[in-house]
Amino acid sequence: MVQQILVVAAKTLDFKSDKGDEIKGTQVHYLMTGVSPDKETKGYIPLKAFLKGAPAKNVKEVPGVYQGAFAVSMKDGKPNLTLTDLDFVSEVTLG
């Protein structure tokens, strides 16, 4: 599944965990439409994903609009979306 998202933050991570596991990739904070935990919530709640491997080469500008590729799985009988890749669409300028 592919959907347009707004990436509001991205951070490259490259370190070893306390257990000695290598943590390498990019942590991405983003907004997408159609995600609301309940009817009382207004606006968009930021979502967070970790893209494993080398730093996300497709993260060009932040904040920015991206095509997000998502893997769909089932968790507790509900669909679960996992961000797997990004393709840059356009820069966003605030203010």
N, C-alpha and C. Protein backbone atom coordinates (compact mmCIF):
# COMPACT_ATOMS: atom_id res chain seq x y z
N MET A 1 0.85 -1.18 0.00
CA MET A 1 0.00 0.00 0.00
C MET A 1 0.89 1.24 0.00
N VAL A 2 0.50 2.23 -0.79
CA VAL A 2 1.25 3.49 -0.85
C VAL A 2 0.30 4.63 -0.51
N GLN A 3 0.76 5.55 0.35
CA GLN A 3 -0.05 6.70 0.73
C GLN A 3 0.84 7.91 0.95
N GLN A 4 0.30 9.08 0.60
CA GLN A 4 1.05 10.31 0.82
C GLN A 4 1.05 10.65 2.31
N ILE A 5 2.25 11.02 2.83
CA ILE A 5 2.40 11.37 4.24
C ILE A 5 3.22 12.65 4.36
N LEU A 6 3.13 13.28 5.51
CA LEU A 6 3.93 14.47 5.80
C LEU A 6 4.97 14.09 6.84
N VAL A 7 6.24 14.06 6.46
CA VAL A 7 7.32 13.75 7.39
C VAL A 7 7.69 15.04 8.11
N VAL A 8 7.60 15.02 9.45
CA VAL A 8 7.88 16.21 10.24
C VAL A 8 9.22 16.14 10.96
N ALA A 9 9.81 14.94 11.05
CA ALA A 9 11.13 14.79 11.66
C ALA A 9 11.74 13.47 11.20
N ALA A 10 13.06 13.46 11.07
CA ALA A 10 13.79 12.23 10.72
C ALA A 10 15.15 12.28 11.40
N LYS A 11 15.54 11.16 12.02
CA LYS A 11 16.81 11.11 12.74
C LYS A 11 17.53 9.81 12.39
N THR A 12 18.77 9.94 11.95
CA THR A 12 19.60 8.77 11.65
C THR A 12 20.15 8.20 12.94
N LEU A 13 20.03 6.89 13.11
CA LEU A 13 20.53 6.22 14.30
C LEU A 13 21.57 5.17 13.90
N ASP A 14 22.66 5.10 14.65
CA ASP A 14 23.70 4.11 14.40
C ASP A 14 24.44 3.89 15.72
N PHE A 15 24.03 2.85 16.48
CA PHE A 15 24.65 2.59 17.78
C PHE A 15 24.42 1.13 18.15
N LYS A 16 25.04 0.70 19.24
CA LYS A 16 24.83 -0.65 19.77
C LYS A 16 23.95 -0.56 21.01
N SER A 17 22.98 -1.45 21.10
CA SER A 17 22.09 -1.48 22.26
C SER A 17 22.85 -2.00 23.47
N ASP A 18 22.20 -1.93 24.63
CA ASP A 18 22.79 -2.45 25.86
C ASP A 18 23.12 -3.94 25.75
N LYS A 19 22.37 -4.63 24.89
CA LYS A 19 22.59 -6.07 24.68
C LYS A 19 23.64 -6.34 23.61
N GLY A 20 24.18 -5.28 22.99
CA GLY A 20 25.19 -5.44 21.96
C GLY A 20 24.65 -5.53 20.55
N ASP A 21 23.33 -5.42 20.39
CA ASP A 21 22.73 -5.45 19.05
C ASP A 21 22.98 -4.14 18.33
N GLU A 22 23.29 -4.23 17.03
CA GLU A 22 23.51 -3.03 16.24
C GLU A 22 22.17 -2.43 15.84
N ILE A 23 21.97 -1.16 16.14
CA ILE A 23 20.77 -0.42 15.77
C ILE A 23 21.19 0.58 14.71
N LYS A 24 20.71 0.37 13.49
CA LYS A 24 21.12 1.22 12.38
C LYS A 24 19.91 1.47 11.48
N GLY A 25 19.61 2.74 11.24
CA GLY A 25 18.48 3.09 10.39
C GLY A 25 18.05 4.52 10.62
N THR A 26 16.80 4.79 10.28
CA THR A 26 16.26 6.15 10.40
C THR A 26 14.93 6.12 11.13
N GLN A 27 14.83 6.91 12.18
CA GLN A 27 13.57 7.08 12.89
C GLN A 27 12.81 8.22 12.20
N VAL A 28 11.56 7.96 11.84
CA VAL A 28 10.75 8.92 11.09
C VAL A 28 9.48 9.23 11.87
N HIS A 29 9.17 10.52 12.03
CA HIS A 29 7.92 10.98 12.63
C HIS A 29 7.09 11.59 11.50
N TYR A 30 5.83 11.17 11.39
CA TYR A 30 5.04 11.61 10.24
C TYR A 30 3.56 11.74 10.60
N LEU A 31 2.84 12.40 9.71
CA LEU A 31 1.39 12.56 9.82
C LEU A 31 0.77 11.94 8.58
N MET A 32 -0.40 11.32 8.77
CA MET A 32 -1.14 10.82 7.61
C MET A 32 -2.63 10.96 7.89
N THR A 33 -3.39 11.08 6.84
CA THR A 33 -4.84 11.23 6.99
C THR A 33 -5.47 9.88 7.30
N GLY A 34 -6.65 9.94 7.86
CA GLY A 34 -7.41 8.73 8.12
C GLY A 34 -7.00 7.97 9.37
N VAL A 35 -6.14 8.57 10.20
CA VAL A 35 -5.71 7.89 11.42
C VAL A 35 -6.19 8.71 12.62
N SER A 36 -7.13 8.15 13.37
CA SER A 36 -7.63 8.82 14.56
C SER A 36 -7.98 7.75 15.59
N PRO A 37 -7.47 7.87 16.80
CA PRO A 37 -7.73 6.83 17.80
C PRO A 37 -9.17 6.79 18.29
N ASP A 38 -9.89 7.92 18.21
CA ASP A 38 -11.27 7.96 18.67
C ASP A 38 -11.98 9.17 18.08
N LYS A 39 -13.28 9.24 18.30
CA LYS A 39 -14.08 10.33 17.72
C LYS A 39 -13.87 11.66 18.44
N GLU A 40 -13.32 11.65 19.66
CA GLU A 40 -13.11 12.88 20.41
C GLU A 40 -11.83 13.60 20.01
N THR A 41 -10.93 12.91 19.31
CA THR A 41 -9.65 13.50 18.92
C THR A 41 -9.81 14.33 17.66
N LYS A 42 -9.30 15.55 17.69
CA LYS A 42 -9.32 16.42 16.52
C LYS A 42 -7.90 16.59 16.01
N GLY A 43 -7.74 16.72 14.72
CA GLY A 43 -6.42 16.93 14.15
C GLY A 43 -5.69 15.62 13.90
N TYR A 44 -4.38 15.71 13.84
CA TYR A 44 -3.54 14.56 13.51
C TYR A 44 -2.58 14.25 14.66
N ILE A 45 -2.49 13.00 15.02
CA ILE A 45 -1.54 12.56 16.04
C ILE A 45 -0.31 12.03 15.30
N PRO A 46 0.89 12.56 15.59
CA PRO A 46 2.10 12.09 14.90
C PRO A 46 2.33 10.60 15.13
N LEU A 47 2.76 9.94 14.07
CA LEU A 47 3.11 8.53 14.12
C LEU A 47 4.62 8.40 14.02
N LYS A 48 5.15 7.27 14.50
CA LYS A 48 6.60 7.07 14.47
C LYS A 48 6.90 5.72 13.86
N ALA A 49 7.96 5.68 13.03
CA ALA A 49 8.40 4.42 12.42
C ALA A 49 9.92 4.37 12.42
N PHE A 50 10.45 3.17 12.36
CA PHE A 50 11.89 2.98 12.25
C PHE A 50 12.17 2.22 10.97
N LEU A 51 12.93 2.86 10.06
CA LEU A 51 13.33 2.22 8.81
C LEU A 51 14.70 1.60 9.03
N LYS A 52 14.77 0.27 9.05
CA LYS A 52 16.02 -0.45 9.34
C LYS A 52 17.01 -0.33 8.20
N GLY A 53 18.29 -0.49 8.56
CA GLY A 53 19.35 -0.51 7.56
C GLY A 53 20.06 0.82 7.48
N ALA A 54 20.66 1.07 6.33
CA ALA A 54 21.40 2.31 6.11
C ALA A 54 20.47 3.50 6.28
N PRO A 55 21.03 4.68 6.56
CA PRO A 55 20.18 5.87 6.68
C PRO A 55 19.27 6.01 5.45
N ALA A 56 18.05 6.40 5.69
CA ALA A 56 17.07 6.51 4.61
C ALA A 56 17.56 7.51 3.55
N LYS A 57 18.01 6.98 2.44
CA LYS A 57 18.58 7.81 1.37
C LYS A 57 17.53 8.69 0.72
N ASN A 58 16.26 8.32 0.87
CA ASN A 58 15.20 9.08 0.22
C ASN A 58 14.69 10.24 1.08
N VAL A 59 15.21 10.41 2.30
CA VAL A 59 14.80 11.54 3.13
C VAL A 59 15.60 12.75 2.67
N LYS A 60 14.97 13.59 1.85
CA LYS A 60 15.66 14.73 1.24
C LYS A 60 15.42 16.03 1.99
N GLU A 61 14.17 16.35 2.29
CA GLU A 61 13.79 17.59 2.97
C GLU A 61 12.79 17.27 4.07
N VAL A 62 12.98 17.91 5.22
CA VAL A 62 12.05 17.75 6.33
C VAL A 62 11.77 19.12 6.91
N PRO A 63 10.53 19.55 7.06
CA PRO A 63 9.33 18.78 6.75
C PRO A 63 9.15 18.65 5.23
N GLY A 64 8.49 17.58 4.84
CA GLY A 64 8.25 17.35 3.43
C GLY A 64 7.16 16.33 3.20
N VAL A 65 6.60 16.38 2.00
CA VAL A 65 5.59 15.42 1.58
C VAL A 65 6.30 14.25 0.91
N TYR A 66 5.93 13.04 1.29
CA TYR A 66 6.53 11.82 0.76
C TYR A 66 5.45 10.82 0.39
N GLN A 67 5.77 9.94 -0.55
CA GLN A 67 4.95 8.76 -0.79
C GLN A 67 5.49 7.71 0.16
N GLY A 68 4.68 7.27 1.09
CA GLY A 68 5.09 6.24 2.04
C GLY A 68 4.61 4.88 1.59
N ALA A 69 5.52 3.92 1.56
CA ALA A 69 5.15 2.53 1.26
C ALA A 69 4.91 1.83 2.59
N PHE A 70 3.79 1.15 2.69
CA PHE A 70 3.40 0.50 3.93
C PHE A 70 3.16 -0.99 3.71
N ALA A 71 3.61 -1.79 4.67
CA ALA A 71 3.26 -3.21 4.71
C ALA A 71 2.03 -3.32 5.60
N VAL A 72 1.09 -4.17 5.20
CA VAL A 72 -0.15 -4.35 5.96
C VAL A 72 -0.13 -5.74 6.60
N SER A 73 -0.38 -5.76 7.91
CA SER A 73 -0.48 -7.03 8.64
C SER A 73 -1.67 -6.95 9.59
N MET A 74 -2.02 -8.06 10.18
CA MET A 74 -3.12 -8.08 11.14
C MET A 74 -2.56 -8.22 12.55
N LYS A 75 -3.09 -7.41 13.47
CA LYS A 75 -2.69 -7.49 14.88
C LYS A 75 -3.95 -7.38 15.73
N ASP A 76 -4.20 -8.36 16.55
CA ASP A 76 -5.40 -8.40 17.39
C ASP A 76 -6.68 -8.23 16.57
N GLY A 77 -6.70 -8.82 15.38
CA GLY A 77 -7.88 -8.75 14.53
C GLY A 77 -8.08 -7.44 13.80
N LYS A 78 -7.09 -6.55 13.87
CA LYS A 78 -7.19 -5.24 13.21
C LYS A 78 -6.01 -5.06 12.26
N PRO A 79 -6.23 -4.35 11.14
CA PRO A 79 -5.11 -4.11 10.23
C PRO A 79 -4.07 -3.20 10.87
N ASN A 80 -2.81 -3.53 10.63
CA ASN A 80 -1.69 -2.76 11.17
C ASN A 80 -0.80 -2.33 10.00
N LEU A 81 -0.52 -1.02 9.90
CA LEU A 81 0.33 -0.50 8.83
C LEU A 81 1.73 -0.25 9.37
N THR A 82 2.75 -0.69 8.62
CA THR A 82 4.14 -0.46 8.98
C THR A 82 4.83 0.25 7.82
N LEU A 83 5.38 1.43 8.09
CA LEU A 83 6.10 2.19 7.07
C LEU A 83 7.37 1.44 6.70
N THR A 84 7.58 1.20 5.39
CA THR A 84 8.74 0.43 4.94
C THR A 84 9.69 1.22 4.04
N ASP A 85 9.21 2.29 3.40
CA ASP A 85 10.06 3.07 2.51
C ASP A 85 9.41 4.43 2.24
N LEU A 86 10.23 5.37 1.76
CA LEU A 86 9.79 6.73 1.46
C LEU A 86 10.28 7.16 0.09
N ASP A 87 9.47 7.93 -0.61
CA ASP A 87 9.89 8.59 -1.84
C ASP A 87 9.50 10.07 -1.73
N PHE A 88 10.48 10.95 -1.89
CA PHE A 88 10.27 12.40 -1.75
C PHE A 88 9.35 12.92 -2.84
N VAL A 89 8.39 13.77 -2.43
CA VAL A 89 7.45 14.41 -3.37
C VAL A 89 7.73 15.90 -3.44
N SER A 90 7.67 16.60 -2.28
CA SER A 90 7.89 18.04 -2.29
C SER A 90 8.23 18.54 -0.89
N GLU A 91 8.90 19.69 -0.86
CA GLU A 91 9.24 20.36 0.38
C GLU A 91 8.02 21.09 0.93
N VAL A 92 7.96 21.25 2.24
CA VAL A 92 6.91 22.01 2.89
C VAL A 92 7.56 23.17 3.64
N THR A 93 7.04 24.37 3.42
CA THR A 93 7.55 25.54 4.13
C THR A 93 6.45 26.04 5.08
N LEU A 94 6.80 26.19 6.33
CA LEU A 94 5.86 26.68 7.32
C LEU A 94 6.16 28.15 7.62
N GLY A 95 5.10 28.94 7.70
CA GLY A 95 5.24 30.33 8.09
C GLY A 95 5.79 31.17 7.03
